Amino acid sequence: MAAASFATIPCATDAARLEGFVIQDYSGVVRRFGWILVVAVLLAGTLSYGVSFLQEEMYRATIHVSTVPARPDWGLGNTAKELMRNFVRNLRTFEVAEEVIDRAQLDMHPSDFLRLTNIASEPSTFTIEIEARSRDKIVSEVMALTLADYFVDERTAYYAQQDKRDRIEVKIVSRVIEGARYQPQPLINTMAGAVLGFLLGVGLILLIVWIESGFLRTPVSVERTLDLTVLGAIPVSSSGSPSKAQG
């Protein structure tokens, strides 16, 4: 049984009661559905850890090539920075890939070589970064070094015909490189899976709570939803028939 309120005078006590009800609701949700979060995190983390061992091992080798102007001239420096984008574009060609494969005696198609290499320019340091990936550590190092050597040889031959003052000195910063494994990474995959499982668990709990919010189960939910004051409730006995009203 419910009766409408004719006047409502807000007070600090009512606000405190309402805040207490909200906190109780949240704590109740945590007690009821906390296990969903735990299961989701453990399941997603375990699956991610297992998937890591299904991935094939991949190695990555990186080498830097310096492209510094022959003289400290502002105009020549800006020209060198502009040319770096052209250097990168010319290295990303089928013909260059064929030449590098022939030099290194690699057993791969030029399209695969281009897919497994990344080339980027760094104008702030006048360097070209060459990155090569392979299932074999040694092959990744050979790919990166051979491509860098090709670039240095091609640019050196070209600038040998230019005036010394207008040349750009191209050389490998360091030939000491080491291929590092970047795949698989079980720890990172497990952490990412756990975070994803947590988010999915939170989403599932919110969905359940949203569905349940359509049912008025407690006097507090009745008052909050219908803006009415509950004067009493008729409990249901264990036999299934209503018992005497309590108010």
Protein backbone atom coordinates (compact mmCIF):
# COMPACT_ATOMS: atom_id res chain seq x y z
CA MET A 1 0.00 0.00 0.00
CA ALA A 2 1.35 3.43 -0.91
CA ALA A 3 0.09 6.98 -0.39
CA ALA A 4 1.17 10.13 -2.19
CA SER A 5 2.99 12.86 -0.25
CA PHE A 6 1.39 16.29 -0.38
CA ALA A 7 4.46 18.19 0.71
CA THR A 8 8.13 17.40 0.92
CA ILE A 9 10.52 19.35 3.11
CA PRO A 10 14.11 18.39 2.30
CA CYS A 11 16.46 18.19 5.21
CA ALA A 12 19.96 17.01 5.96
CA THR A 13 18.61 13.79 7.47
CA ASP A 14 16.78 12.85 4.27
CA ALA A 15 19.87 13.56 2.17
CA ALA A 16 22.00 11.43 4.48
CA ARG A 17 19.46 8.61 4.31
CA LEU A 18 19.38 8.78 0.51
CA GLU A 19 23.18 8.76 0.34
CA GLY A 20 23.23 5.79 2.67
CA PHE A 21 20.77 3.94 0.46
CA VAL A 22 22.92 4.59 -2.63
CA ILE A 23 26.05 3.34 -0.86
CA GLN A 24 24.18 0.25 0.29
CA ASP A 25 23.03 -0.38 -3.29
CA TYR A 26 26.60 -0.20 -4.60
CA SER A 27 27.95 -2.42 -1.85
CA GLY A 28 25.17 -4.89 -2.55
CA VAL A 29 26.08 -4.97 -6.23
CA VAL A 30 29.72 -5.64 -5.35
CA ARG A 31 28.77 -8.47 -2.98
CA ARG A 32 26.39 -10.07 -5.48
CA PHE A 33 28.36 -9.72 -8.69
CA GLY A 34 31.98 -9.36 -7.59
CA TRP A 35 32.60 -12.97 -8.57
CA ILE A 36 31.78 -12.06 -12.18
CA LEU A 37 34.72 -9.62 -12.26
CA VAL A 38 37.06 -12.19 -10.75
CA VAL A 39 36.03 -14.90 -13.21
CA ALA A 40 36.21 -12.52 -16.21
CA VAL A 41 39.70 -11.29 -15.28
CA LEU A 42 41.06 -14.78 -14.64
CA LEU A 43 39.47 -16.26 -17.76
CA ALA A 44 40.60 -13.48 -20.11
CA GLY A 45 44.11 -13.38 -18.61
CA THR A 46 44.50 -17.15 -18.89
CA LEU A 47 43.27 -17.22 -22.48
CA SER A 48 45.63 -14.39 -23.43
CA TYR A 49 48.55 -16.19 -21.81
CA GLY A 50 47.71 -19.36 -23.73
CA VAL A 51 47.33 -17.53 -27.03
CA SER A 52 50.85 -16.11 -26.58
CA PHE A 53 52.31 -19.57 -27.07
CA LEU A 54 50.40 -20.01 -30.31
CA GLN A 55 52.15 -17.00 -31.83
CA GLU A 56 55.33 -17.58 -33.82
CA GLU A 57 58.57 -16.01 -32.62
CA MET A 58 59.47 -12.77 -34.42
CA TYR A 59 62.67 -10.72 -34.14
CA ARG A 60 63.29 -7.06 -34.97
CA ALA A 61 66.59 -5.35 -35.82
CA THR A 62 66.99 -1.58 -36.14
CA ILE A 63 69.83 0.45 -37.66
CA HIS A 64 70.28 4.20 -38.16
CA VAL A 65 71.88 5.94 -41.13
CA SER A 66 73.19 9.51 -40.75
CA THR A 67 72.50 12.03 -43.55
CA VAL A 68 74.36 15.16 -42.39
CA PRO A 69 75.05 18.11 -44.77
CA ALA A 70 78.72 18.64 -45.64
CA ARG A 71 78.64 22.23 -44.32
CA PRO A 72 76.64 23.86 -41.52
CA ASP A 73 74.49 25.93 -43.84
CA TRP A 74 70.85 26.70 -42.92
CA GLY A 75 69.66 26.36 -46.49
CA LEU A 76 71.52 23.12 -47.11
CA GLY A 77 70.25 21.77 -43.79
CA ASN A 78 66.63 22.43 -44.74
CA THR A 79 67.24 20.86 -48.14
CA ALA A 80 68.64 17.75 -46.46
CA LYS A 81 65.54 17.49 -44.25
CA GLU A 82 63.28 17.75 -47.28
CA LEU A 83 65.30 15.12 -49.16
CA MET A 84 64.95 12.62 -46.32
CA ARG A 85 61.33 11.93 -47.26
CA ASN A 86 62.49 11.23 -50.81
CA PHE A 87 65.18 8.86 -49.51
CA VAL A 88 62.56 6.87 -47.63
CA ARG A 89 60.26 6.72 -50.63
CA ASN A 90 63.02 5.51 -52.97
CA LEU A 91 64.04 2.76 -50.55
CA ARG A 92 60.49 1.42 -50.45
CA THR A 93 60.54 0.10 -54.02
CA PHE A 94 60.37 -3.35 -55.55
CA GLU A 95 63.68 -2.84 -57.38
CA VAL A 96 65.55 -1.95 -54.20
CA ALA A 97 64.09 -4.97 -52.45
CA GLU A 98 65.31 -7.23 -55.27
CA GLU A 99 68.81 -5.73 -55.10
CA VAL A 100 69.04 -6.16 -51.33
CA ILE A 101 67.78 -9.75 -51.52
CA ASP A 102 70.43 -10.55 -54.13
CA ARG A 103 73.18 -8.96 -52.05
CA ALA A 104 72.22 -10.79 -48.86
CA GLN A 105 71.27 -14.04 -50.64
CA LEU A 106 67.93 -14.10 -48.87
CA ASP A 107 65.26 -16.66 -49.68
CA MET A 108 62.22 -14.41 -49.90
CA HIS A 109 60.07 -12.50 -52.37
CA PRO A 110 60.58 -8.72 -52.74
CA SER A 111 57.00 -8.10 -51.63
CA ASP A 112 57.67 -10.03 -48.42
CA PHE A 113 60.87 -8.03 -47.88
CA LEU A 114 58.95 -4.76 -48.21
CA ARG A 115 56.27 -6.04 -45.83
CA LEU A 116 58.84 -6.97 -43.21
CA THR A 117 60.78 -3.69 -43.30
CA ASN A 118 59.92 -0.23 -42.04
CA ILE A 119 61.82 2.91 -42.99
CA ALA A 120 61.30 6.27 -41.31
CA SER A 121 63.04 9.63 -41.38
CA GLU A 122 64.03 11.63 -38.30
CA PRO A 123 64.68 15.19 -39.53
CA SER A 124 65.60 16.48 -36.05
CA THR A 125 68.67 14.21 -35.98
CA PHE A 126 69.28 13.90 -39.75
CA THR A 127 68.93 10.11 -39.57
CA ILE A 128 67.05 7.40 -41.44
CA GLU A 129 65.79 4.54 -39.28
CA ILE A 130 65.62 1.12 -40.91
CA GLU A 131 63.77 -1.66 -39.14
CA ALA A 132 63.66 -5.29 -40.33
CA ARG A 133 61.58 -8.16 -38.92
CA SER A 134 62.02 -11.90 -39.35
CA ARG A 135 61.36 -15.24 -37.66
CA ASP A 136 65.15 -15.63 -37.49
CA LYS A 137 67.26 -13.26 -35.39
CA ILE A 138 70.26 -13.37 -37.73
CA VAL A 139 68.12 -12.80 -40.82
CA SER A 140 66.56 -9.69 -39.30
CA GLU A 141 70.03 -8.26 -38.65
CA VAL A 142 71.22 -9.12 -42.17
CA MET A 143 68.13 -7.52 -43.73
CA ALA A 144 68.64 -4.24 -41.85
CA LEU A 145 72.40 -4.05 -42.45
CA THR A 146 72.20 -4.91 -46.14
CA LEU A 147 69.49 -2.35 -46.82
CA ALA A 148 71.51 0.29 -44.94
CA ASP A 149 74.64 -0.60 -46.93
CA TYR A 150 72.73 -0.32 -50.19
CA PHE A 151 71.45 3.13 -49.23
CA VAL A 152 74.93 4.35 -48.23
CA ASP A 153 76.54 2.99 -51.41
CA GLU A 154 73.86 4.49 -53.67
CA ARG A 155 73.99 7.93 -52.03
CA THR A 156 77.81 7.97 -51.87
CA ALA A 157 78.08 7.21 -55.58
CA TYR A 158 75.58 9.95 -56.38
CA TYR A 159 77.18 12.68 -54.24
CA ALA A 160 80.65 11.80 -55.54
CA GLN A 161 79.58 13.59 -58.74
CA GLN A 162 78.44 16.72 -56.85
CA ASP A 163 80.39 19.67 -55.51
CA LYS A 164 81.84 18.89 -52.07
CA ARG A 165 80.08 21.91 -50.56
CA ASP A 166 76.68 20.60 -51.67
CA ARG A 167 77.10 17.01 -50.61
CA ILE A 168 75.23 15.16 -47.90
CA GLU A 169 77.44 12.76 -45.97
CA VAL A 170 75.67 9.43 -45.64
CA LYS A 171 77.02 6.80 -43.25
CA ILE A 172 75.80 4.10 -40.88
CA VAL A 173 75.78 5.36 -37.29
CA SER A 174 76.74 1.96 -35.86
CA ARG A 175 77.00 -1.46 -37.41
CA VAL A 176 76.63 -3.16 -34.04
CA ILE A 177 72.96 -4.17 -33.96
CA GLU A 178 71.12 -7.04 -32.36
CA GLY A 179 67.78 -8.52 -33.28
CA ALA A 180 65.39 -8.47 -30.34
CA ARG A 181 62.36 -10.68 -29.93
CA TYR A 182 59.14 -8.69 -29.90
CA GLN A 183 56.65 -11.54 -30.28
CA PRO A 184 55.26 -13.32 -28.35
CA GLN A 185 55.14 -11.37 -25.09
CA PRO A 186 53.14 -13.50 -22.60
CA LEU A 187 53.31 -11.01 -19.72
CA ILE A 188 52.02 -8.05 -21.75
CA ASN A 189 49.36 -10.21 -23.40
CA THR A 190 48.20 -11.51 -20.02
CA MET A 191 47.95 -8.01 -18.56
CA ALA A 192 46.06 -6.74 -21.60
CA GLY A 193 43.71 -9.73 -21.43
CA ALA A 194 43.07 -9.14 -17.72
CA VAL A 195 42.20 -5.48 -18.35
CA LEU A 196 39.88 -6.47 -21.18
CA GLY A 197 38.26 -9.11 -18.96
CA PHE A 198 37.74 -6.53 -16.21
CA LEU A 199 36.03 -4.14 -18.63
CA LEU A 200 33.83 -6.90 -20.00
CA GLY A 201 32.94 -7.96 -16.47
CA VAL A 202 31.98 -4.40 -15.52
CA GLY A 203 29.86 -4.14 -18.67
CA LEU A 204 28.09 -7.42 -17.88
CA ILE A 205 27.36 -6.30 -14.31
CA LEU A 206 26.00 -2.96 -15.51
CA LEU A 207 23.76 -4.80 -17.98
CA ILE A 208 22.40 -7.06 -15.24
CA VAL A 209 21.81 -4.13 -12.89
CA TRP A 210 20.09 -2.17 -15.67
CA ILE A 211 17.77 -5.11 -16.37
CA GLU A 212 16.99 -5.54 -12.69
CA SER A 213 16.33 -1.81 -12.26
CA GLY A 214 13.03 -2.33 -14.08
CA PHE A 215 11.74 -4.29 -11.06
CA LEU A 216 10.68 -2.58 -7.80
CA ARG A 217 12.05 -4.98 -5.22
CA THR A 218 12.47 -2.82 -2.09
CA PRO A 219 10.56 0.04 -0.43
CA VAL A 220 13.52 2.28 -1.18
CA SER A 221 13.31 1.56 -4.94
CA VAL A 222 9.55 2.22 -4.85
CA GLU A 223 9.98 5.60 -3.16
CA ARG A 224 12.84 6.59 -5.45
CA THR A 225 11.10 5.53 -8.68
CA LEU A 226 7.48 6.53 -8.00
CA ASP A 227 8.19 9.50 -5.71
CA LEU A 228 5.74 8.06 -3.19
CA THR A 229 6.03 7.29 0.50
CA VAL A 230 5.69 3.62 1.38
CA LEU A 231 3.55 3.20 4.49
CA GLY A 232 3.71 -0.59 4.72
CA ALA A 233 4.50 -3.86 2.98
CA ILE A 234 2.75 -7.22 2.84
CA PRO A 235 5.38 -9.93 3.13
CA VAL A 236 4.98 -13.33 1.51
CA SER A 237 5.08 -16.30 3.86
CA SER A 238 7.00 -19.47 3.21
CA SER A 239 3.79 -21.19 2.09
CA GLY A 240 3.40 -18.62 -0.70
CA SER A 241 0.29 -16.87 0.71
CA PRO A 242 0.41 -13.26 1.97
CA SER A 243 0.72 -12.90 5.72
CA LYS A 244 -0.61 -10.14 7.94
CA ALA A 245 0.39 -6.63 6.84
CA GLN A 246 3.24 -5.00 8.66
CA GLY A 247 3.63 -1.25 8.85
